[in-house]
């Protein structure tokens, strides 16, 4: 375990992770507001006694703490991440209740540890596959499938930024350029989210389904409070994304990157916009 704890923050794709837990918490709140609090789309009985759930890329466990309110009290919830520094402590999360959440170190680019193999009724993944370029998405999905018990479900959610959408503001288009450039620089297909259903089938999963959802940002989110909260995560995401792309040696026009964070915030507040995401789920055969 000591060797595993030596993972460095540099392995995390987005730079400047000092505020990353804060950003991920704001992002989670925005997503859950957009989805009316729904986390699980796979047909899993959340009130089943003894339900076993794995959240991959769990950060500080915020999703697990929300899911804890929706599942049977006997459910066992496990969060894994490559960043042990993200895991909650009594000091950082003193209000966490119950003893049915635990955390472990796991890289989805590597075979899962024996205690995580064939162990879960649901494995949940949100915005993690961008970090699998070293092995490729099919290999990462196969690793994830090994975590499932027979009849268990895998659910993955990923942003789709391959296309500009009608109504995208200039700053939204520029942000997507930055995002696509990041994907290209690390060797990822910019449209990978739309291909996940086929990857699931190739990995041997059955009953595969896909849902495309749109998340409103800024004015599109409705009232002033929701508008402001939807913009909050992007105050950190946009500049961090730009710095990450530049650190990878990409050369983008100044017209794309200059004051992008400020322009994005202003345009979302005054005009609004949407991000598209794919949610895909499939079942491991008995």
C-alpha atoms as a PDB file:
ATOM      1  CA  UNK A   1       0.000   0.000   0.000  1.00  0.00           C
ATOM      2  CA  UNK A   2       2.906   2.344   0.718  1.00  0.00           C
ATOM      3  CA  UNK A   3       4.012   2.200  -2.914  1.00  0.00           C
ATOM      4  CA  UNK A   4       0.500   3.023  -4.080  1.00  0.00           C
ATOM      5  CA  UNK A   5       0.363   6.058  -1.818  1.00  0.00           C
ATOM      6  CA  UNK A   6       3.339   7.516  -3.699  1.00  0.00           C
ATOM      7  CA  UNK A   7       1.156   8.447  -6.677  1.00  0.00           C
ATOM      8  CA  UNK A   8       1.871  12.065  -7.508  1.00  0.00           C
ATOM      9  CA  UNK A   9      -0.623  14.799  -8.332  1.00  0.00           C
ATOM     10  CA  UNK A  10       1.152  15.138 -11.689  1.00  0.00           C
ATOM     11  CA  UNK A  11      -0.594  11.945 -12.833  1.00  0.00           C
ATOM     12  CA  UNK A  12      -3.906  13.764 -12.645  1.00  0.00           C
ATOM     13  CA  UNK A  13      -4.712  15.116 -16.095  1.00  0.00           C
ATOM     14  CA  UNK A  14      -5.894  18.598 -15.116  1.00  0.00           C
ATOM     15  CA  UNK A  15      -3.170  20.758 -13.653  1.00  0.00           C
ATOM     16  CA  UNK A  16      -3.315  22.745 -10.407  1.00  0.00           C
ATOM     17  CA  UNK A  17      -5.289  20.229  -8.378  1.00  0.00           C
ATOM     18  CA  UNK A  18      -5.188  22.295  -5.186  1.00  0.00           C
ATOM     19  CA  UNK A  19      -8.778  23.421  -5.839  1.00  0.00           C
ATOM     20  CA  UNK A  20      -9.827  20.374  -7.806  1.00  0.00           C
ATOM     21  CA  UNK A  21     -11.999  18.891  -5.063  1.00  0.00           C
ATOM     22  CA  UNK A  22     -13.772  22.239  -4.801  1.00  0.00           C
ATOM     23  CA  UNK A  23     -14.316  22.307  -8.570  1.00  0.00           C
ATOM     24  CA  UNK A  24     -15.590  18.727  -8.629  1.00  0.00           C
ATOM     25  CA  UNK A  25     -17.998  19.461  -5.791  1.00  0.00           C
ATOM     26  CA  UNK A  26     -19.441  22.441  -7.663  1.00  0.00           C
ATOM     27  CA  UNK A  27     -19.616  20.385 -10.859  1.00  0.00           C
ATOM     28  CA  UNK A  28     -21.471  17.605  -9.044  1.00  0.00           C
ATOM     29  CA  UNK A  29     -24.003  20.077  -7.632  1.00  0.00           C
ATOM     30  CA  UNK A  30     -24.609  21.506 -11.134  1.00  0.00           C
ATOM     31  CA  UNK A  31     -25.067  18.057 -12.680  1.00  0.00           C
ATOM     32  CA  UNK A  32     -27.389  16.814  -9.947  1.00  0.00           C
ATOM     33  CA  UNK A  33     -29.513  19.950 -10.198  1.00  0.00           C
ATOM     34  CA  UNK A  34     -29.769  19.385 -13.946  1.00  0.00           C
ATOM     35  CA  UNK A  35     -30.750  15.731 -13.437  1.00  0.00           C
ATOM     36  CA  UNK A  36     -33.253  16.454 -10.651  1.00  0.00           C
ATOM     37  CA  UNK A  37     -31.028  14.605  -8.207  1.00  0.00           C
ATOM     38  CA  UNK A  38     -30.944  11.376 -10.189  1.00  0.00           C
ATOM     39  CA  UNK A  39     -27.650   9.484 -10.123  1.00  0.00           C
ATOM     40  CA  UNK A  40     -28.469   5.982 -11.328  1.00  0.00           C
ATOM     41  CA  UNK A  41     -30.076   5.437 -14.750  1.00  0.00           C
ATOM     42  CA  UNK A  42     -29.332   1.723 -15.003  1.00  0.00           C
ATOM     43  CA  UNK A  43     -32.317  -0.378 -13.832  1.00  0.00           C
ATOM     44  CA  UNK A  44     -30.857  -1.119 -10.418  1.00  0.00           C
ATOM     45  CA  UNK A  45     -33.084  -1.526  -7.357  1.00  0.00           C
ATOM     46  CA  UNK A  46     -31.520   1.027  -5.028  1.00  0.00           C
ATOM     47  CA  UNK A  47     -33.569  -0.288  -2.106  1.00  0.00           C
ATOM     48  CA  UNK A  48     -32.219  -3.812  -2.449  1.00  0.00           C
ATOM     49  CA  UNK A  49     -30.697  -4.890   0.886  1.00  0.00           C
ATOM     50  CA  UNK A  50     -26.946  -5.351   0.684  1.00  0.00           C
ATOM     51  CA  UNK A  51     -26.583  -3.498  -2.621  1.00  0.00           C
ATOM     52  CA  UNK A  52     -22.923  -3.050  -3.547  1.00  0.00           C
ATOM     53  CA  UNK A  53     -21.931   0.101  -5.467  1.00  0.00           C
ATOM     54  CA  UNK A  54     -18.556   1.265  -6.770  1.00  0.00           C
ATOM     55  CA  UNK A  55     -17.960   4.903  -7.755  1.00  0.00           C
ATOM     56  CA  UNK A  56     -14.869   5.293  -9.927  1.00  0.00           C
ATOM     57  CA  UNK A  57     -13.136   8.668  -9.799  1.00  0.00           C
ATOM     58  CA  UNK A  58     -14.883   9.424  -6.529  1.00  0.00           C
ATOM     59  CA  UNK A  59     -12.717  12.410  -5.466  1.00  0.00           C
ATOM     60  CA  UNK A  60     -13.882  13.310  -1.936  1.00  0.00           C
ATOM     61  CA  UNK A  61     -16.921  11.020  -2.139  1.00  0.00           C
ATOM     62  CA  UNK A  62     -19.549  13.696  -2.683  1.00  0.00           C
ATOM     63  CA  UNK A  63     -21.541  11.519  -5.106  1.00  0.00           C
ATOM     64  CA  UNK A  64     -21.435   8.577  -2.704  1.00  0.00           C
ATOM     65  CA  UNK A  65     -22.744  10.733   0.106  1.00  0.00           C
ATOM     66  CA  UNK A  66     -25.669  11.793  -2.090  1.00  0.00           C
ATOM     67  CA  UNK A  67     -26.251   8.211  -3.212  1.00  0.00           C
ATOM     68  CA  UNK A  68     -26.176   7.088   0.421  1.00  0.00           C
ATOM     69  CA  UNK A  69     -29.467   8.948   0.878  1.00  0.00           C
ATOM     70  CA  UNK A  70     -31.096   6.982  -1.961  1.00  0.00           C
ATOM     71  CA  UNK A  71     -30.050   3.396  -1.186  1.00  0.00           C
ATOM     72  CA  UNK A  72     -31.024   0.844   1.443  1.00  0.00           C
ATOM     73  CA  UNK A  73     -29.199   1.418   4.762  1.00  0.00           C
ATOM     74  CA  UNK A  74     -27.426  -1.929   4.345  1.00  0.00           C
ATOM     75  CA  UNK A  75     -25.865  -0.938   1.007  1.00  0.00           C
ATOM     76  CA  UNK A  76     -22.090  -0.999   0.779  1.00  0.00           C
ATOM     77  CA  UNK A  77     -20.577   1.951  -1.117  1.00  0.00           C
ATOM     78  CA  UNK A  78     -16.971   2.051  -2.277  1.00  0.00           C
ATOM     79  CA  UNK A  79     -15.168   4.979  -3.883  1.00  0.00           C
ATOM     80  CA  UNK A  80     -11.903   4.642  -5.795  1.00  0.00           C
ATOM     81  CA  UNK A  81      -9.601   7.257  -7.263  1.00  0.00           C
ATOM     82  CA  UNK A  82      -5.977   7.649  -8.323  1.00  0.00           C
ATOM     83  CA  UNK A  83      -5.700  10.642  -5.992  1.00  0.00           C
ATOM     84  CA  UNK A  84      -5.705   9.525  -2.353  1.00  0.00           C
ATOM     85  CA  UNK A  85      -5.232  13.156  -1.363  1.00  0.00           C
ATOM     86  CA  UNK A  86      -8.820  13.725  -2.516  1.00  0.00           C
ATOM     87  CA  UNK A  87     -10.320  11.228  -0.076  1.00  0.00           C
ATOM     88  CA  UNK A  88     -12.290  12.709   2.822  1.00  0.00           C
ATOM     89  CA  UNK A  89     -11.000  12.771   6.366  1.00  0.00           C
ATOM     90  CA  UNK A  90     -12.864  13.439   9.637  1.00  0.00           C
ATOM     91  CA  UNK A  91     -11.573  16.994   9.354  1.00  0.00           C
ATOM     92  CA  UNK A  92     -12.644  17.600   5.753  1.00  0.00           C
ATOM     93  CA  UNK A  93     -15.960  15.737   5.987  1.00  0.00           C
ATOM     94  CA  UNK A  94     -16.996  15.667   9.652  1.00  0.00           C
ATOM     95  CA  UNK A  95     -20.694  15.267   8.843  1.00  0.00           C
ATOM     96  CA  UNK A  96     -20.327  11.995   6.895  1.00  0.00           C
ATOM     97  CA  UNK A  97     -22.613   9.527   8.608  1.00  0.00           C
ATOM     98  CA  UNK A  98     -22.793   5.771   8.710  1.00  0.00           C
ATOM     99  CA  UNK A  99     -20.051   3.250   8.135  1.00  0.00           C
ATOM    100  CA  UNK A 100     -21.105   1.949   4.733  1.00  0.00           C
ATOM    101  CA  UNK A 101     -18.732   4.104   2.659  1.00  0.00           C
ATOM    102  CA  UNK A 102     -15.085   3.245   2.200  1.00  0.00           C
ATOM    103  CA  UNK A 103     -12.345   4.445  -0.135  1.00  0.00           C
ATOM    104  CA  UNK A 104      -9.527   2.723  -1.977  1.00  0.00           C
ATOM    105  CA  UNK A 105      -6.810   3.508  -4.495  1.00  0.00           C
ATOM    106  CA  UNK A 106      -7.440   2.195  -8.018  1.00  0.00           C
ATOM    107  CA  UNK A 107      -6.381   3.243 -11.517  1.00  0.00           C
ATOM    108  CA  UNK A 108      -8.852   2.108 -14.169  1.00  0.00           C
ATOM    109  CA  UNK A 109      -5.974   1.830 -16.605  1.00  0.00           C
ATOM    110  CA  UNK A 110      -4.705  -1.115 -14.537  1.00  0.00           C
ATOM    111  CA  UNK A 111      -6.275  -4.434 -13.511  1.00  0.00           C
ATOM    112  CA  UNK A 112      -8.506  -4.038 -10.485  1.00  0.00           C
ATOM    113  CA  UNK A 113      -7.285  -5.302  -7.126  1.00  0.00           C
ATOM    114  CA  UNK A 114      -8.758  -8.682  -6.074  1.00  0.00           C
ATOM    115  CA  UNK A 115     -11.112  -7.161  -3.493  1.00  0.00           C
ATOM    116  CA  UNK A 116     -12.764  -5.098  -6.240  1.00  0.00           C
ATOM    117  CA  UNK A 117     -13.185  -7.910  -8.783  1.00  0.00           C
ATOM    118  CA  UNK A 118     -16.664  -9.429  -9.345  1.00  0.00           C
ATOM    119  CA  UNK A 119     -17.842  -7.477  -6.310  1.00  0.00           C
ATOM    120  CA  UNK A 120     -20.422  -4.877  -7.359  1.00  0.00           C
ATOM    121  CA  UNK A 121     -24.037  -4.696  -8.455  1.00  0.00           C
ATOM    122  CA  UNK A 122     -23.365  -1.248  -9.951  1.00  0.00           C
ATOM    123  CA  UNK A 123     -20.161   0.426 -11.030  1.00  0.00           C
ATOM    124  CA  UNK A 124     -20.638   4.139 -11.677  1.00  0.00           C
ATOM    125  CA  UNK A 125     -18.217   6.329 -13.656  1.00  0.00           C
ATOM    126  CA  UNK A 126     -18.555  10.030 -14.433  1.00  0.00           C
ATOM    127  CA  UNK A 127     -16.068  12.083 -16.477  1.00  0.00           C
ATOM    128  CA  UNK A 128     -13.140   9.741 -15.884  1.00  0.00           C
ATOM    129  CA  UNK A 129     -12.418   8.175 -19.274  1.00  0.00           C
ATOM    130  CA  UNK A 130     -10.544  11.253 -20.448  1.00  0.00           C
ATOM    131  CA  UNK A 131      -7.699   9.946 -18.272  1.00  0.00           C
ATOM    132  CA  UNK A 132      -7.414   6.569 -20.018  1.00  0.00           C
ATOM    133  CA  UNK A 133      -5.414   7.548 -23.093  1.00  0.00           C
ATOM    134  CA  UNK A 134      -2.434   5.458 -21.970  1.00  0.00           C
ATOM    135  CA  UNK A 135      -4.365   2.208 -22.506  1.00  0.00           C
ATOM    136  CA  UNK A 136      -7.394   3.279 -24.547  1.00  0.00           C
ATOM    137  CA  UNK A 137     -11.061   3.349 -23.649  1.00  0.00           C
ATOM    138  CA  UNK A 138     -11.857  -0.284 -24.641  1.00  0.00           C
ATOM    139  CA  UNK A 139      -9.169  -1.589 -22.270  1.00  0.00           C
ATOM    140  CA  UNK A 140     -10.349   0.699 -19.461  1.00  0.00           C
ATOM    141  CA  UNK A 141     -13.957  -0.421 -19.940  1.00  0.00           C
ATOM    142  CA  UNK A 142     -12.859  -4.060 -19.793  1.00  0.00           C
ATOM    143  CA  UNK A 143     -11.150  -3.315 -16.478  1.00  0.00           C
ATOM    144  CA  UNK A 144     -14.354  -1.728 -15.220  1.00  0.00           C
ATOM    145  CA  UNK A 145     -16.376  -4.767 -16.302  1.00  0.00           C
ATOM    146  CA  UNK A 146     -14.210  -6.983 -14.091  1.00  0.00           C
ATOM    147  CA  UNK A 147     -15.535  -5.096 -11.063  1.00  0.00           C
ATOM    148  CA  UNK A 148     -19.088  -6.269 -11.759  1.00  0.00           C
ATOM    149  CA  UNK A 149     -20.733  -9.229 -10.147  1.00  0.00           C
ATOM    150  CA  UNK A 150     -22.711 -11.417 -12.562  1.00  0.00           C
ATOM    151  CA  UNK A 151     -25.879  -9.518 -13.506  1.00  0.00           C
ATOM    152  CA  UNK A 152     -24.265  -6.252 -12.333  1.00  0.00           C
ATOM    153  CA  UNK A 153     -24.506  -2.960 -14.201  1.00  0.00           C
ATOM    154  CA  UNK A 154     -21.878  -0.540 -15.500  1.00  0.00           C
ATOM    155  CA  UNK A 155     -22.945   3.093 -15.980  1.00  0.00           C
ATOM    156  CA  UNK A 156     -20.644   5.684 -17.558  1.00  0.00           C
ATOM    157  CA  UNK A 157     -21.322   9.352 -18.185  1.00  0.00           C
ATOM    158  CA  UNK A 158     -19.111  11.513 -20.406  1.00  0.00           C
ATOM    159  CA  UNK A 159     -19.299  14.980 -21.974  1.00  0.00           C
ATOM    160  CA  UNK A 160     -19.698  15.295 -25.738  1.00  0.00           C
ATOM    161  CA  UNK A 161     -17.877  18.274 -27.214  1.00  0.00           C
ATOM    162  CA  UNK A 162     -17.183  17.035 -30.746  1.00  0.00           C
ATOM    163  CA  UNK A 163     -19.680  19.424 -32.317  1.00  0.00           C
ATOM    164  CA  UNK A 164     -20.725  22.999 -31.814  1.00  0.00           C
ATOM    165  CA  UNK A 165     -24.426  23.296 -31.092  1.00  0.00           C
ATOM    166  CA  UNK A 166     -26.858  25.842 -32.547  1.00  0.00           C
ATOM    167  CA  UNK A 167     -26.899  28.822 -30.242  1.00  0.00           C
ATOM    168  CA  UNK A 168     -23.369  28.298 -28.876  1.00  0.00           C
ATOM    169  CA  UNK A 169     -21.869  31.640 -27.915  1.00  0.00           C
ATOM    170  CA  UNK A 170     -18.362  32.580 -29.101  1.00  0.00           C
ATOM    171  CA  UNK A 171     -16.883  31.733 -25.694  1.00  0.00           C
ATOM    172  CA  UNK A 172     -18.687  28.385 -25.603  1.00  0.00           C
ATOM    173  CA  UNK A 173     -17.270  27.565 -29.032  1.00  0.00           C
ATOM    174  CA  UNK A 174     -13.789  28.606 -27.888  1.00  0.00           C
ATOM    175  CA  UNK A 175     -14.063  26.455 -24.764  1.00  0.00           C
ATOM    176  CA  UNK A 176     -15.006  23.473 -26.916  1.00  0.00           C
ATOM    177  CA  UNK A 177     -11.977  24.186 -29.118  1.00  0.00           C
ATOM    178  CA  UNK A 178      -9.790  24.060 -26.002  1.00  0.00           C
ATOM    179  CA  UNK A 179     -11.475  20.859 -24.820  1.00  0.00           C
ATOM    180  CA  UNK A 180     -11.123  19.185 -28.222  1.00  0.00           C
ATOM    181  CA  UNK A 181      -7.486  20.250 -28.402  1.00  0.00           C
ATOM    182  CA  UNK A 182      -6.843  18.687 -25.000  1.00  0.00           C
ATOM    183  CA  UNK A 183      -8.391  15.421 -26.146  1.00  0.00           C
ATOM    184  CA  UNK A 184      -6.376  15.434 -29.359  1.00  0.00           C
ATOM    185  CA  UNK A 185      -3.108  16.200 -27.534  1.00  0.00           C
ATOM    186  CA  UNK A 186      -3.533  13.200 -25.245  1.00  0.00           C
ATOM    187  CA  UNK A 187      -4.546  10.925 -28.114  1.00  0.00           C
ATOM    188  CA  UNK A 188      -8.283  10.691 -27.464  1.00  0.00           C
ATOM    189  CA  UNK A 189     -11.048  10.635 -30.090  1.00  0.00           C
ATOM    190  CA  UNK A 190     -12.989  13.873 -29.576  1.00  0.00           C
ATOM    191  CA  UNK A 191     -16.260  12.029 -30.164  1.00  0.00           C
ATOM    192  CA  UNK A 192     -15.537   9.104 -27.841  1.00  0.00           C
ATOM    193  CA  UNK A 193     -18.611   9.703 -25.673  1.00  0.00           C
ATOM    194  CA  UNK A 194     -20.931   8.919 -28.578  1.00  0.00           C
ATOM    195  CA  UNK A 195     -19.155   5.600 -29.176  1.00  0.00           C
ATOM    196  CA  UNK A 196     -19.452   4.187 -25.652  1.00  0.00           C
ATOM    197  CA  UNK A 197     -22.505   2.027 -26.333  1.00  0.00           C
ATOM    198  CA  UNK A 198     -20.568   0.088 -28.959  1.00  0.00           C
ATOM    199  CA  UNK A 199     -17.574  -0.217 -26.618  1.00  0.00           C
ATOM    200  CA  UNK A 200     -19.895  -1.669 -23.963  1.00  0.00           C
ATOM    201  CA  UNK A 201     -21.162  -4.305 -26.394  1.00  0.00           C
ATOM    202  CA  UNK A 202     -17.631  -5.195 -27.482  1.00  0.00           C
ATOM    203  CA  UNK A 203     -16.742  -5.672 -23.802  1.00  0.00           C
ATOM    204  CA  UNK A 204     -19.463  -8.311 -23.532  1.00  0.00           C
ATOM    205  CA  UNK A 205     -22.149  -6.269 -21.785  1.00  0.00           C
ATOM    206  CA  UNK A 206     -25.806  -6.859 -22.564  1.00  0.00           C
ATOM    207  CA  UNK A 207     -28.968  -4.730 -22.393  1.00  0.00           C
ATOM    208  CA  UNK A 208     -26.917  -1.690 -23.366  1.00  0.00           C
ATOM    209  CA  UNK A 209     -28.790   1.597 -23.429  1.00  0.00           C
ATOM    210  CA  UNK A 210     -27.743   5.192 -24.025  1.00  0.00           C
ATOM    211  CA  UNK A 211     -29.304   8.485 -23.008  1.00  0.00           C
ATOM    212  CA  UNK A 212     -28.206  11.894 -24.245  1.00  0.00           C
ATOM    213  CA  UNK A 213     -28.778  14.718 -21.787  1.00  0.00           C
ATOM    214  CA  UNK A 214     -28.259  18.485 -21.915  1.00  0.00           C
ATOM    215  CA  UNK A 215     -27.002  20.491 -18.967  1.00  0.00           C
ATOM    216  CA  UNK A 216     -27.979  24.173 -18.900  1.00  0.00           C
ATOM    217  CA  UNK A 217     -25.380  26.769 -17.977  1.00  0.00           C
ATOM    218  CA  UNK A 218     -25.998  30.328 -16.837  1.00  0.00           C
ATOM    219  CA  UNK A 219     -29.160  32.010 -18.068  1.00  0.00           C
ATOM    220  CA  UNK A 220     -30.348  28.743 -19.602  1.00  0.00           C
ATOM    221  CA  UNK A 221     -30.501  27.219 -16.114  1.00  0.00           C
ATOM    222  CA  UNK A 222     -33.452  29.415 -15.176  1.00  0.00           C
ATOM    223  CA  UNK A 223     -33.536  31.498 -12.030  1.00  0.00           C
ATOM    224  CA  UNK A 224     -30.679  33.681 -10.827  1.00  0.00           C
ATOM    225  CA  UNK A 225     -29.511  31.231  -8.158  1.00  0.00           C
ATOM    226  CA  UNK A 226     -29.377  28.231 -10.491  1.00  0.00           C
ATOM    227  CA  UNK A 227     -27.741  30.389 -13.160  1.00  0.00           C
ATOM    228  CA  UNK A 228     -24.966  31.449 -10.812  1.00  0.00           C
ATOM    229  CA  UNK A 229     -24.419  27.966  -9.405  1.00  0.00           C
ATOM    230  CA  UNK A 230     -24.161  26.445 -12.880  1.00  0.00           C
ATOM    231  CA  UNK A 231     -21.410  28.908 -13.793  1.00  0.00           C
ATOM    232  CA  UNK A 232     -19.389  28.353 -10.607  1.00  0.00           C
ATOM    233  CA  UNK A 233     -17.506  25.177 -11.636  1.00  0.00           C
ATOM    234  CA  UNK A 234     -16.442  26.781 -14.904  1.00  0.00           C
ATOM    235  CA  UNK A 235     -14.675  29.606 -13.079  1.00  0.00           C
ATOM    236  CA  UNK A 236     -12.096  26.941 -12.245  1.00  0.00           C
ATOM    237  CA  UNK A 237     -12.592  24.572 -15.181  1.00  0.00           C
ATOM    238  CA  UNK A 238     -12.007  27.036 -18.019  1.00  0.00           C
ATOM    239  CA  UNK A 239      -8.671  28.523 -16.902  1.00  0.00           C
ATOM    240  CA  UNK A 240      -7.435  25.123 -15.714  1.00  0.00           C
ATOM    241  CA  UNK A 241      -8.290  23.593 -19.075  1.00  0.00           C
ATOM    242  CA  UNK A 242      -6.431  26.356 -20.912  1.00  0.00           C
ATOM    243  CA  UNK A 243      -3.345  25.925 -18.716  1.00  0.00           C
ATOM    244  CA  UNK A 244      -3.451  22.146 -19.155  1.00  0.00           C
ATOM    245  CA  UNK A 245      -3.594  22.441 -22.948  1.00  0.00           C
ATOM    246  CA  UNK A 246      -0.716  24.907 -22.960  1.00  0.00           C
ATOM    247  CA  UNK A 247       1.323  22.643 -20.682  1.00  0.00           C
ATOM    248  CA  UNK A 248       0.903  19.882 -23.276  1.00  0.00           C
ATOM    249  CA  UNK A 249       2.488  22.094 -25.922  1.00  0.00           C
ATOM    250  CA  UNK A 250      -0.615  23.101 -27.829  1.00  0.00           C
ATOM    251  CA  UNK A 251      -0.514  26.409 -29.651  1.00  0.00           C
ATOM    252  CA  UNK A 252      -3.941  27.977 -29.780  1.00  0.00           C
ATOM    253  CA  UNK A 253      -4.733  31.428 -31.208  1.00  0.00           C
ATOM    254  CA  UNK A 254      -4.931  34.194 -28.664  1.00  0.00           C
ATOM    255  CA  UNK A 255      -8.416  34.895 -29.975  1.00  0.00           C
ATOM    256  CA  UNK A 256      -9.462  31.526 -28.485  1.00  0.00           C
ATOM    257  CA  UNK A 257      -7.684  31.586 -25.132  1.00  0.00           C
ATOM    258  CA  UNK A 258      -7.422  35.280 -24.198  1.00  0.00           C
ATOM    259  CA  UNK A 259      -9.714  36.099 -21.272  1.00  0.00           C
ATOM    260  CA  UNK A 260     -11.671  32.941 -22.016  1.00  0.00           C
ATOM    261  CA  UNK A 261     -12.738  32.469 -18.419  1.00  0.00           C
ATOM    262  CA  UNK A 262     -14.121  35.993 -18.151  1.00  0.00           C
ATOM    263  CA  UNK A 263     -15.767  35.844 -21.565  1.00  0.00           C
ATOM    264  CA  UNK A 264     -17.350  32.473 -20.801  1.00  0.00           C
ATOM    265  CA  UNK A 265     -18.752  33.670 -17.478  1.00  0.00           C
ATOM    266  CA  UNK A 266     -20.142  36.869 -19.024  1.00  0.00           C
ATOM    267  CA  UNK A 267     -21.771  35.154 -22.002  1.00  0.00           C
ATOM    268  CA  UNK A 268     -23.280  32.370 -19.923  1.00  0.00           C
ATOM    269  CA  UNK A 269     -24.753  34.897 -17.487  1.00  0.00           C
ATOM    270  CA  UNK A 270     -26.254  37.039 -20.240  1.00  0.00           C
ATOM    271  CA  UNK A 271     -27.090  34.465 -22.944  1.00  0.00           C
ATOM    272  CA  UNK A 272     -26.679  30.981 -21.497  1.00  0.00           C
ATOM    273  CA  UNK A 273     -25.792  27.700 -23.120  1.00  0.00           C
ATOM    274  CA  UNK A 274     -25.839  23.932 -22.844  1.00  0.00           C
ATOM    275  CA  UNK A 275     -23.398  21.037 -22.571  1.00  0.00           C
ATOM    276  CA  UNK A 276     -24.309  17.624 -23.935  1.00  0.00           C
ATOM    277  CA  UNK A 277     -23.461  14.399 -22.188  1.00  0.00           C
ATOM    278  CA  UNK A 278     -23.966  10.714 -22.885  1.00  0.00           C
ATOM    279  CA  UNK A 279     -25.043   8.340 -20.124  1.00  0.00           C
ATOM    280  CA  UNK A 280     -24.551   4.702 -21.101  1.00  0.00           C
ATOM    281  CA  UNK A 281     -25.327   1.573 -19.119  1.00  0.00           C
ATOM    282  CA  UNK A 282     -25.012  -2.151 -19.714  1.00  0.00           C
ATOM    283  CA  UNK A 283     -25.318  -5.414 -17.803  1.00  0.00           C
ATOM    284  CA  UNK A 284     -22.798  -8.179 -17.226  1.00  0.00           C
ATOM    285  CA  UNK A 285     -24.212 -11.586 -18.213  1.00  0.00           C
ATOM    286  CA  UNK A 286     -24.927 -14.171 -15.542  1.00  0.00           C
END
